[in-house]
Amino acid sequence: MNIQDSPIFKKLTAANSLAELFNGQYGLEIEAHRIDQQGKLSRIPHPETLGNRFFHPYIVTDYAESQLELVTEPSKSLSDARLRLAQLEWVVREQLQTDEAIWPISMPPRYDQADIDWLDTTFKRTWYQDYRDWLKEKYGSTHATMTGIHVNISISPKLIQILFDASAENDFVKFQNQTYFKLAQAFSAHRWLLVYLFGAAPYTFNDSDSRIPDNISEPVRSLRGSAYGFANDADIDIDYGTSVEQTLAQMNSHIDEGKLFSAAEFYGTIRFKGDDVLEKGVSYLELRVLDTDPFDSVGISENTLNVIDLLAAHFILTDHVYSRDELADALALSNAVALQNPNDQLPNLTEAKELLAELGKTAELFPMKFNDGLSLLSERILSPAKTPAAKMIQAAQGLDTLATEMLETARERTKMFHVKHDELKNNLFADNTLTDTHIQALQLGLRVINYSDKELLLAFKDHREVVNHPTDLTVLFPELLKDDFFHQFEK
C-alpha cells in the first residue's frame, strides 16, 4: 500500500495535522532486581528513603521485595520518557547500599532453595497479598520474578477528534476505542517482529521454573517472549478480534470463572488502560512484549523507541483491520520466532523485507526523524547476528558464562555510577538551583508533572505546588509524613 493513498493520511494532511501522530503522551515502565555482589537477590529491605510504596507514583516493587518497578510520568515523547526513566534509575542507585547492584536482564539470576524460600515468605506490600499469593501458587516464585519493559502509548486527542469529525460515526467514545483497538491489533499482529528485534532472554538460569519445559533447546531468542514465559495459560482465550468491548468481556469472563485473578493477570501483547474504558474510552495502550536490553544502561535504547514510534505512526496511517485467524497465525509465528536460535533468520523474511520497505515510505514523510530506527530495523532484519539475543550468546558462550557476564555488567554499572555520580546527575537533571529539589520530589513520591530550569510543578493527590526556588518538600507537603493511613500498610 502506498501510504499516501491512506484515507487517514489524506484526512490528517487536509487538516495540516500530520504531526499529531507524535503529539500523544508516552510512558515507560521497567522492572529490575536488586542483587548483591555475588549475583544473588538482595535481602536488604527496600530503601525507606524512596518514599512509601503504597502511594509512590514512580518507584515501587513487584512480586519480590528485590524487584524494583520504575514508572515514568506521562511524557511528551518516548525520548522524554526515557530521560525520566534514567532520572528514576539515578535516584534509586543513589539510595542503594554500597554492595548492591541492578540485574541487567529479564530472566532472573540463579536461585538456590534459600532464595526461593525467601521469595515465597517475604512480602511487605500487604495490600497486594492476595494477588501475590495467587501468583505464587499458580506460577511459582521463579517464574513470577521475570522482568521486562512496558511502553505506554497515548494517541493525540486532537488526532482522534480530526478523524472522528471526518467519519460517519456519532459515538465519540466508541470511535476512540476503535482507533486504539486497531492500533492494538496491529502491534499484536507484528508481535513476531518485536520479539525478533528486541528478544534478549536466551536462557533460564533456574530449573525451578516449572513452566519452562526441560526439552527446550537453548539458547533461544526470548524465553520470556514465548508461550513458556510472560504468557497466560493456553486455555485463557482473550484476543483482539473484534473490539475493545469484546476483549474486556472475554477477560471478565475468565475472571468470573476463576481462571484469572484480575485484569492485571492478563499477559497479552497489549493492555487497554484508562479509568473507565467502556464509559470514558481507552486512555492509552500498554505494550508488554519487550525484554530488558542488557546493552543499554537504562534497559531500553533511544533507537528501540524510535522503531516503536515509527511502527505506531505506520499502523495508525495504514488503519488495517485484522481477522481472528490472522491474529492467531501471528501469535503462533511470534512463539516460533521466540524459540528460534538467536542466529536463525526470520521464517517470514520476505514479509519482513516488504514491511521494512513500507516503513521506509512512512519514514520519508518525516525527514530525519526515523533515520536511526530504520537503520536498526534494516541491520537486524538482514542480519540476525545483530539482534540482542545473538549478541548475548556471542559474548558469552553458554549459560554459566552468560550469568558471569551479566553479573560483571551489573557490577561495572554500579562502579561507574559512583565514579561518574556528579556528571550523571548534571546530565540528567541539569545543573541548576532546583536539581536537588527535583531529586527530593522523586525520592519522596511527589508527582513531577513538569520541570524546567526555573520551576517544578509538583503534586501529591489534590495538592499542587509550583516551586521556583530550593525548598524542603517535607515542609511544603507535610501530609507525606503525617498520613498514618499510608504507613499502616508497611507495618
Protein backbone atom coordinates (compact mmCIF):
# COMPACT_ATOMS: atom_id res chain seq x y z
CA MET A 1 0.00 0.00 0.00
CA ASN A 2 1.24 3.47 -0.88
CA ILE A 3 0.98 5.25 2.45
CA GLN A 4 -0.05 8.48 0.74
CA ASP A 5 -3.17 6.71 -0.54
CA SER A 6 -4.21 6.00 3.04
CA PRO A 7 -7.54 7.69 3.94
CA ILE A 8 -6.13 8.65 7.34
CA PHE A 9 -3.04 10.18 5.74
CA LYS A 10 -5.31 12.25 3.49
CA LYS A 11 -7.51 13.37 6.40
CA LEU A 12 -4.56 14.44 8.52
CA THR A 13 -2.86 16.14 5.59
CA ALA A 14 -6.04 18.03 4.73
CA ALA A 15 -6.19 19.25 8.32
CA ASN A 16 -2.47 20.14 8.21
CA SER A 17 -2.11 17.85 11.23
CA LEU A 18 0.22 15.03 10.25
CA ALA A 19 2.45 15.98 13.20
CA GLU A 20 -0.38 14.93 15.54
CA LEU A 21 0.84 11.38 15.04
CA PHE A 22 3.53 12.26 17.60
CA ASN A 23 1.59 14.57 19.92
CA GLY A 24 0.23 11.96 22.27
CA GLN A 25 1.64 11.08 25.67
CA TYR A 26 4.14 8.34 26.35
CA GLY A 27 5.50 6.43 29.30
CA LEU A 28 7.90 3.65 30.22
CA GLU A 29 7.87 1.03 32.94
CA ILE A 30 10.76 -1.25 33.84
CA GLU A 31 11.20 -3.99 36.42
CA ALA A 32 14.65 -4.99 37.67
CA HIS A 33 16.07 -6.86 40.65
CA ARG A 34 18.43 -5.51 43.27
CA ILE A 35 21.26 -8.03 43.68
CA ASP A 36 24.34 -8.36 45.84
CA GLN A 37 27.92 -8.59 44.61
CA GLN A 38 27.64 -12.37 44.21
CA GLY A 39 24.63 -12.10 41.90
CA LYS A 40 22.08 -13.23 44.50
CA LEU A 41 18.84 -11.37 45.12
CA SER A 42 19.41 -8.63 47.67
CA ARG A 43 17.84 -9.36 51.05
CA ILE A 44 18.29 -5.73 52.11
CA PRO A 45 14.85 -4.12 52.64
CA HIS A 46 13.50 -1.71 50.05
CA PRO A 47 15.06 1.70 50.89
CA GLU A 48 12.81 3.71 53.22
CA THR A 49 14.33 6.84 51.69
CA LEU A 50 12.41 6.08 48.48
CA GLY A 51 9.07 7.03 49.96
CA ASN A 52 6.10 4.84 50.71
CA ARG A 53 5.32 2.11 48.18
CA PHE A 54 1.61 2.43 48.84
CA PHE A 55 1.36 5.80 47.12
CA HIS A 56 4.67 6.34 45.29
CA PRO A 57 3.80 7.08 41.64
CA TYR A 58 7.18 6.14 40.21
CA ILE A 59 9.18 3.75 42.42
CA VAL A 60 7.54 0.62 43.83
CA THR A 61 8.24 -3.11 43.93
CA ASP A 62 6.54 -6.04 42.25
CA TYR A 63 6.37 -9.72 43.16
CA ALA A 64 9.65 -9.76 45.10
CA GLU A 65 10.98 -7.33 47.66
CA SER A 66 14.10 -7.11 45.50
CA GLN A 67 12.07 -6.48 42.34
CA LEU A 68 12.05 -2.75 41.65
CA GLU A 69 9.42 -1.29 39.34
CA LEU A 70 10.05 2.17 37.92
CA VAL A 71 7.18 4.00 36.18
CA THR A 72 7.60 7.33 34.42
CA GLU A 73 5.29 10.31 34.46
CA PRO A 74 3.34 10.66 31.16
CA SER A 75 5.70 12.47 28.81
CA LYS A 76 5.56 14.42 25.56
CA SER A 77 7.68 11.87 23.68
CA LEU A 78 9.25 8.46 24.10
CA SER A 79 12.64 10.15 24.23
CA ASP A 80 11.49 12.33 27.12
CA ALA A 81 10.04 9.26 28.85
CA ARG A 82 13.42 7.55 28.57
CA LEU A 83 15.10 10.57 30.16
CA ARG A 84 12.62 10.40 33.04
CA LEU A 85 13.33 6.69 33.40
CA ALA A 86 17.06 7.41 33.57
CA GLN A 87 16.38 10.03 36.27
CA LEU A 88 14.45 7.48 38.32
CA GLU A 89 17.23 4.95 37.93
CA TRP A 90 19.76 7.53 39.17
CA VAL A 91 17.58 8.27 42.20
CA VAL A 92 17.30 4.56 43.00
CA ARG A 93 21.02 3.89 42.61
CA GLU A 94 21.71 6.84 44.90
CA GLN A 95 19.80 5.06 47.69
CA LEU A 96 21.13 1.51 47.27
CA GLN A 97 23.65 0.04 49.66
CA THR A 98 27.27 0.00 48.51
CA ASP A 99 27.27 -3.76 47.85
CA GLU A 100 24.04 -3.72 45.81
CA ALA A 101 23.71 -3.67 42.03
CA ILE A 102 20.89 -3.97 39.49
CA TRP A 103 20.49 -7.20 37.48
CA PRO A 104 20.55 -6.15 33.78
CA ILE A 105 18.34 -8.74 32.04
CA SER A 106 14.79 -10.05 32.13
CA MET A 107 15.44 -13.65 33.21
CA PRO A 108 16.13 -13.73 36.96
CA PRO A 109 19.54 -14.71 38.32
CA ARG A 110 20.26 -18.22 39.54
CA TYR A 111 18.31 -19.20 42.68
CA ASP A 112 19.06 -21.82 45.29
CA GLN A 113 16.45 -23.22 47.67
CA ALA A 114 17.17 -20.49 50.23
CA ASP A 115 16.39 -17.85 47.61
CA ILE A 116 13.11 -19.49 46.72
CA ASP A 117 12.18 -19.86 50.39
CA TRP A 118 12.91 -16.17 50.89
CA LEU A 119 10.84 -15.22 47.84
CA ASP A 120 7.95 -17.38 49.00
CA THR A 121 7.83 -15.97 52.53
CA THR A 122 8.95 -12.34 52.26
CA PHE A 123 6.49 -9.72 51.07
CA LYS A 124 5.84 -6.29 52.60
CA ARG A 125 3.18 -4.88 50.24
CA THR A 126 0.41 -6.44 52.27
CA TRP A 127 -2.33 -4.67 50.31
CA TYR A 128 -1.36 -6.91 47.34
CA GLN A 129 -1.02 -10.07 49.42
CA ASP A 130 -3.99 -11.94 47.94
CA TYR A 131 -2.85 -11.34 44.35
CA ARG A 132 0.72 -12.22 45.27
CA ASP A 133 -0.38 -15.49 46.86
CA TRP A 134 -2.36 -16.30 43.72
CA LEU A 135 0.70 -15.76 41.51
CA LYS A 136 2.93 -17.83 43.79
CA GLU A 137 0.51 -20.74 43.74
CA LYS A 138 -0.17 -20.59 40.00
CA TYR A 139 3.20 -19.66 38.50
CA GLY A 140 5.77 -20.18 41.25
CA SER A 141 8.22 -17.60 42.52
CA THR A 142 10.91 -18.24 39.92
CA HIS A 143 8.56 -17.63 37.01
CA ALA A 144 6.88 -14.67 38.68
CA THR A 145 10.18 -12.83 39.05
CA MET A 146 10.88 -12.45 35.34
CA THR A 147 11.13 -8.76 34.48
CA GLY A 148 10.81 -6.56 31.41
CA ILE A 149 9.88 -3.26 29.80
CA HIS A 150 6.42 -1.85 29.13
CA VAL A 151 5.87 1.01 26.67
CA ASN A 152 2.77 3.18 27.14
CA ILE A 153 1.33 4.99 24.12
CA SER A 154 -1.48 7.55 24.16
CA ILE A 155 -2.80 8.83 20.82
CA SER A 156 -3.16 12.58 20.43
CA PRO A 157 -6.76 13.58 21.35
CA LYS A 158 -6.66 16.13 18.52
CA LEU A 159 -5.80 13.38 16.03
CA ILE A 160 -8.74 11.27 17.20
CA GLN A 161 -11.04 14.31 17.02
CA ILE A 162 -9.94 15.08 13.44
CA LEU A 163 -10.61 11.52 12.34
CA PHE A 164 -13.93 11.42 14.20
CA ASP A 165 -15.10 14.66 12.58
CA ALA A 166 -14.25 13.26 9.15
CA SER A 167 -16.07 9.98 9.83
CA ALA A 168 -19.73 8.99 9.75
CA GLU A 169 -19.63 7.87 13.40
CA ASN A 170 -21.71 9.64 16.06
CA ASP A 171 -20.38 7.99 19.24
CA PHE A 172 -17.01 9.57 20.12
CA VAL A 173 -16.04 7.11 22.88
CA LYS A 174 -16.80 4.15 20.65
CA PHE A 175 -14.75 5.73 17.85
CA GLN A 176 -11.87 6.46 20.22
CA ASN A 177 -11.87 2.87 21.46
CA GLN A 178 -11.93 1.50 17.94
CA THR A 179 -8.98 3.72 17.00
CA TYR A 180 -6.99 2.33 19.90
CA PHE A 181 -8.23 -1.17 19.15
CA LYS A 182 -6.91 -1.13 15.59
CA LEU A 183 -3.52 0.03 16.86
CA ALA A 184 -3.56 -2.79 19.43
CA GLN A 185 -4.42 -5.27 16.68
CA ALA A 186 -1.52 -4.06 14.56
CA PHE A 187 1.02 -4.40 17.37
CA SER A 188 -0.34 -7.85 18.18
CA ALA A 189 -0.15 -8.88 14.52
CA HIS A 190 3.50 -7.80 14.49
CA ARG A 191 4.50 -9.20 17.86
CA TRP A 192 6.84 -11.56 15.97
CA LEU A 193 8.83 -8.54 14.73
CA LEU A 194 9.23 -7.06 18.21
CA VAL A 195 10.34 -10.41 19.64
CA TYR A 196 12.84 -10.84 16.80
CA LEU A 197 14.25 -7.31 17.02
CA PHE A 198 14.42 -6.99 20.81
CA GLY A 199 14.33 -10.50 22.28
CA ALA A 200 17.04 -10.79 24.94
CA ALA A 201 16.21 -13.85 27.06
CA PRO A 202 18.13 -16.79 25.54
CA TYR A 203 18.44 -18.91 28.69
CA THR A 204 16.81 -19.63 32.00
CA PHE A 205 19.24 -19.85 34.90
CA ASN A 206 16.74 -21.81 37.00
CA ASP A 207 15.35 -25.31 36.62
CA SER A 208 12.89 -24.37 39.39
CA ASP A 209 10.73 -22.61 36.77
CA SER A 210 8.32 -25.46 36.10
CA ARG A 211 6.64 -23.60 33.26
CA ILE A 212 9.72 -23.84 31.05
CA PRO A 213 9.99 -27.42 29.66
CA ASP A 214 13.23 -29.33 30.18
CA ASN A 215 13.43 -30.16 26.46
CA ILE A 216 13.76 -26.54 25.27
CA SER A 217 16.82 -26.36 23.04
CA GLU A 218 18.54 -23.29 24.47
CA PRO A 219 19.72 -20.77 23.54
CA VAL A 220 16.56 -19.25 22.11
CA ARG A 221 15.68 -15.71 21.19
CA SER A 222 13.34 -14.98 24.08
CA LEU A 223 12.03 -17.41 26.67
CA ARG A 224 10.16 -14.53 28.26
CA GLY A 225 8.51 -13.66 24.93
CA SER A 226 7.47 -17.25 24.24
CA ALA A 227 4.41 -19.23 25.32
CA TYR A 228 6.55 -20.53 28.22
CA GLY A 229 7.37 -17.07 29.50
CA PHE A 230 5.34 -13.93 30.16
CA ALA A 231 2.14 -15.53 28.88
CA ASN A 232 -1.20 -16.81 30.09
CA ASP A 233 -2.24 -20.46 30.02
CA ALA A 234 -3.39 -21.82 26.67
CA ASP A 235 -7.00 -22.04 27.87
CA ILE A 236 -7.15 -18.28 28.54
CA ASP A 237 -8.81 -17.27 25.29
CA ILE A 238 -8.52 -13.50 25.05
CA ASP A 239 -7.89 -11.99 21.64
CA TYR A 240 -8.06 -8.68 19.78
CA GLY A 241 -10.53 -9.99 17.24
CA THR A 242 -13.46 -7.57 17.22
CA SER A 243 -13.48 -4.67 19.67
CA VAL A 244 -12.24 -3.35 22.99
CA GLU A 245 -15.59 -4.30 24.49
CA GLN A 246 -15.30 -7.93 23.41
CA THR A 247 -11.69 -8.24 24.58
CA LEU A 248 -12.69 -6.93 28.01
CA ALA A 249 -15.75 -9.21 28.07
CA GLN A 250 -13.52 -12.23 27.38
CA MET A 251 -11.19 -11.14 30.18
CA ASN A 252 -14.03 -10.59 32.65
CA SER A 253 -15.46 -14.00 31.78
CA HIS A 254 -12.17 -15.66 32.75
CA ILE A 255 -12.07 -13.63 35.97
CA ASP A 256 -15.62 -14.71 36.82
CA GLU A 257 -14.69 -18.34 36.12
CA GLY A 258 -11.73 -18.09 38.50
CA LYS A 259 -9.11 -18.57 35.78
CA LEU A 260 -7.67 -15.06 36.19
CA PHE A 261 -7.30 -13.14 39.44
CA SER A 262 -7.98 -9.78 37.78
CA ALA A 263 -7.18 -7.78 34.65
CA ALA A 264 -3.64 -7.39 36.00
CA GLU A 265 -3.03 -11.07 35.22
CA PHE A 266 -3.74 -10.68 31.51
CA TYR A 267 -0.33 -11.02 29.83
CA GLY A 268 -1.31 -10.27 26.24
CA THR A 269 0.74 -8.14 23.86
CA ILE A 270 -1.34 -5.05 24.66
CA ARG A 271 -3.46 -3.95 27.59
CA PHE A 272 -6.10 -1.23 27.29
CA LYS A 273 -5.65 1.28 30.08
CA GLY A 274 -7.92 4.01 31.45
CA ASP A 275 -10.08 4.97 34.42
CA ASP A 276 -13.25 3.64 32.81
CA VAL A 277 -12.50 2.25 29.38
CA LEU A 278 -16.09 1.47 28.38
CA GLU A 279 -17.64 4.72 29.57
CA LYS A 280 -14.80 7.23 29.08
CA GLY A 281 -12.70 5.47 26.49
CA VAL A 282 -9.21 3.99 26.35
CA SER A 283 -6.59 6.42 27.67
CA TYR A 284 -3.51 4.59 26.46
CA LEU A 285 -2.12 1.27 25.34
CA GLU A 286 0.46 -0.68 27.32
CA LEU A 287 2.83 -2.64 25.07
CA ARG A 288 4.21 -5.54 27.12
CA VAL A 289 6.46 -7.55 24.78
CA LEU A 290 9.93 -6.10 25.26
CA ASP A 291 12.74 -7.81 27.15
CA THR A 292 15.18 -5.65 29.08
CA ASP A 293 18.10 -4.69 26.83
CA PRO A 294 21.38 -5.66 28.57
CA PHE A 295 23.37 -3.47 26.17
CA ASP A 296 21.67 -0.27 27.30
CA SER A 297 22.26 1.19 30.75
CA VAL A 298 18.61 2.24 31.08
CA GLY A 299 17.27 -1.07 29.75
CA ILE A 300 15.85 0.32 26.52
CA SER A 301 17.66 2.33 23.87
CA GLU A 302 16.74 5.50 22.02
CA ASN A 303 16.85 3.54 18.75
CA THR A 304 14.42 0.93 20.07
CA LEU A 305 11.99 3.69 20.98
CA ASN A 306 12.48 5.27 17.56
CA VAL A 307 11.39 1.97 15.99
CA ILE A 308 8.29 1.77 18.19
CA ASP A 309 7.41 5.38 17.38
CA LEU A 310 7.69 4.61 13.66
CA LEU A 311 5.63 1.43 13.98
CA ALA A 312 2.86 3.25 15.86
CA ALA A 313 2.69 6.01 13.23
CA HIS A 314 2.70 3.48 10.39
CA PHE A 315 -0.01 1.34 11.98
CA ILE A 316 -2.26 4.37 12.58
CA LEU A 317 -1.85 5.52 8.99
CA THR A 318 -2.43 2.12 7.40
CA ASP A 319 -5.52 1.57 9.62
CA HIS A 320 -5.70 -2.15 8.84
CA VAL A 321 -8.27 -4.44 10.48
CA TYR A 322 -7.05 -7.98 11.22
CA SER A 323 -9.17 -11.10 11.40
CA ARG A 324 -9.06 -13.53 14.31
CA ASP A 325 -7.33 -16.08 12.09
CA GLU A 326 -4.66 -13.58 11.07
CA LEU A 327 -4.01 -12.69 14.70
CA ALA A 328 -3.88 -16.36 15.76
CA ASP A 329 -1.37 -17.08 12.98
CA ALA A 330 0.70 -14.05 14.02
CA LEU A 331 0.77 -15.23 17.65
CA ALA A 332 1.93 -18.70 16.57
CA LEU A 333 4.61 -17.09 14.41
CA SER A 334 5.73 -14.94 17.33
CA ASN A 335 6.13 -18.02 19.52
CA ALA A 336 8.14 -19.77 16.82
CA VAL A 337 10.40 -16.73 16.44
CA ALA A 338 10.85 -16.51 20.23
CA LEU A 339 12.01 -20.15 20.37
CA GLN A 340 14.42 -19.92 17.42
CA ASN A 341 18.16 -19.98 17.89
CA PRO A 342 19.15 -16.29 18.04
CA ASN A 343 21.32 -16.65 14.94
CA ASP A 344 18.49 -18.08 12.83
CA GLN A 345 16.90 -15.94 10.15
CA LEU A 346 13.23 -14.99 10.35
CA PRO A 347 10.98 -17.71 8.92
CA ASN A 348 8.99 -14.95 7.15
CA LEU A 349 11.96 -12.97 5.85
CA THR A 350 10.19 -11.93 2.65
CA GLU A 351 7.31 -10.45 4.64
CA ALA A 352 9.77 -8.68 6.94
CA LYS A 353 11.59 -7.11 3.99
CA GLU A 354 8.29 -5.95 2.49
CA LEU A 355 7.32 -4.38 5.82
CA LEU A 356 10.73 -2.71 6.02
CA ALA A 357 10.12 -1.13 2.60
CA GLU A 358 6.70 0.10 3.70
CA LEU A 359 8.12 1.57 6.90
CA GLY A 360 10.74 3.34 4.82
CA LYS A 361 7.99 5.06 2.84
CA THR A 362 6.28 6.15 6.04
CA ALA A 363 9.59 7.45 7.39
CA GLU A 364 10.06 9.55 4.25
CA LEU A 365 7.09 11.65 5.35
CA PHE A 366 9.13 12.80 8.35
CA PRO A 367 12.67 13.61 7.10
CA MET A 368 15.48 12.68 9.51
CA LYS A 369 13.12 11.68 12.35
CA PHE A 370 13.42 7.92 11.83
CA ASN A 371 16.90 7.51 10.38
CA ASP A 372 18.20 5.68 13.46
CA GLY A 373 15.15 3.46 13.78
CA LEU A 374 15.27 2.47 10.10
CA SER A 375 18.96 1.68 10.37
CA LEU A 376 18.28 -0.60 13.34
CA LEU A 377 15.41 -2.31 11.53
CA SER A 378 17.40 -2.90 8.36
CA GLU A 379 20.51 -4.09 10.17
CA ARG A 380 18.73 -6.60 12.37
CA ILE A 381 16.23 -7.91 9.79
CA LEU A 382 19.05 -8.63 7.35
CA SER A 383 21.49 -9.92 9.97
CA PRO A 384 20.21 -11.94 12.96
CA ALA A 385 23.69 -11.73 14.50
CA LYS A 386 22.96 -8.05 15.23
CA THR A 387 19.96 -8.81 17.44
CA PRO A 388 20.36 -8.63 21.25
CA ALA A 389 19.95 -12.35 21.97
CA ALA A 390 22.52 -13.24 19.32
CA LYS A 391 24.95 -10.67 20.70
CA MET A 392 24.43 -12.10 24.19
CA ILE A 393 25.40 -15.62 23.17
CA GLN A 394 28.31 -14.34 21.07
CA ALA A 395 29.71 -12.53 24.11
CA ALA A 396 29.11 -15.46 26.46
CA GLN A 397 29.14 -18.97 25.07
CA GLY A 398 26.92 -20.90 27.42
CA LEU A 399 24.62 -20.44 30.37
CA ASP A 400 27.24 -20.15 33.12
CA THR A 401 29.36 -17.69 31.16
CA LEU A 402 26.34 -15.51 30.46
CA ALA A 403 25.47 -15.41 34.16
CA THR A 404 29.03 -14.30 34.91
CA GLU A 405 28.93 -11.67 32.15
CA MET A 406 25.64 -10.24 33.38
CA LEU A 407 26.92 -10.05 36.95
CA GLU A 408 30.02 -8.25 35.72
CA THR A 409 27.81 -5.82 33.76
CA ALA A 410 25.80 -5.13 36.91
CA ARG A 411 28.94 -4.55 38.97
CA GLU A 412 30.52 -2.29 36.35
CA ARG A 413 27.41 -0.12 36.11
CA THR A 414 27.37 0.30 39.88
CA LYS A 415 31.04 1.24 39.83
CA MET A 416 30.55 3.75 37.01
CA PHE A 417 27.58 5.28 38.80
CA HIS A 418 29.79 6.17 41.74
CA VAL A 419 32.74 7.25 39.58
CA LYS A 420 30.56 9.49 37.39
CA HIS A 421 28.00 10.34 40.07
CA ASP A 422 28.05 14.14 39.70
CA GLU A 423 28.49 14.07 35.93
CA LEU A 424 25.46 11.81 35.52
CA LYS A 425 23.45 13.95 37.92
CA ASN A 426 24.17 17.12 35.96
CA ASN A 427 23.48 15.46 32.61
CA LEU A 428 20.15 14.01 33.71
CA PHE A 429 18.77 16.82 35.84
CA ALA A 430 20.69 19.85 34.54
CA ASP A 431 22.96 21.71 36.92
CA ASN A 432 20.69 24.39 38.40
CA THR A 433 19.32 25.55 41.75
CA LEU A 434 16.29 23.23 41.54
CA THR A 435 18.19 19.99 40.89
CA ASP A 436 18.23 18.78 44.50
CA THR A 437 14.58 19.74 44.98
CA HIS A 438 13.68 17.78 41.85
CA ILE A 439 15.56 14.74 43.18
CA GLN A 440 13.90 15.03 46.59
CA ALA A 441 10.49 15.08 44.91
CA LEU A 442 11.25 11.82 43.11
CA GLN A 443 12.54 10.24 46.31
CA LEU A 444 9.53 11.22 48.39
CA GLY A 445 6.94 10.16 45.84
CA LEU A 446 5.64 13.51 44.66
CA ARG A 447 4.47 13.71 41.08
CA VAL A 448 6.81 15.83 38.99
CA ILE A 449 4.27 16.88 36.40
CA ASN A 450 6.56 19.38 34.66
CA TYR A 451 10.05 20.61 35.28
CA SER A 452 12.45 23.17 33.84
CA ASP A 453 15.49 25.15 34.95
CA LYS A 454 13.17 27.71 36.51
CA GLU A 455 10.31 25.82 38.11
CA LEU A 456 8.84 22.49 39.14
CA LEU A 457 5.14 21.62 39.06
CA LEU A 458 4.67 19.09 41.87
CA ALA A 459 1.62 17.25 43.16
CA PHE A 460 0.51 14.87 45.89
CA LYS A 461 -3.10 13.77 45.45
CA ASP A 462 -5.05 17.06 45.04
CA HIS A 463 -2.30 19.24 46.49
CA ARG A 464 -0.28 21.06 43.81
CA GLU A 465 2.61 23.45 44.16
CA VAL A 466 4.77 25.44 41.74
CA VAL A 467 8.32 25.53 43.11
CA ASN A 468 10.78 28.07 41.73
CA HIS A 469 13.47 28.10 44.43
CA PRO A 470 15.18 25.41 46.55
CA THR A 471 12.66 24.10 49.10
CA ASP A 472 12.42 21.34 51.69
CA LEU A 473 9.45 19.46 50.24
CA THR A 474 8.59 17.78 53.54
CA VAL A 475 7.67 21.28 54.75
CA LEU A 476 5.75 22.13 51.59
CA PHE A 477 3.95 18.77 51.60
CA PRO A 478 3.70 17.86 55.33
CA GLU A 479 1.00 15.28 54.59
CA LEU A 480 3.73 13.00 53.20
CA LEU A 481 4.97 12.42 56.74
CA LYS A 482 1.72 12.80 58.68
CA ASP A 483 -0.60 10.50 56.80
CA ASP A 484 -0.76 7.43 59.05
CA PHE A 485 -3.23 5.79 56.69
CA PHE A 486 -0.45 5.02 54.23
CA HIS A 487 2.15 3.95 56.76
CA GLN A 488 -0.06 1.35 58.41
CA PHE A 489 0.35 -0.83 55.33
CA GLU A 490 4.13 -1.02 55.76
CA LYS A 491 3.91 -2.49 59.29
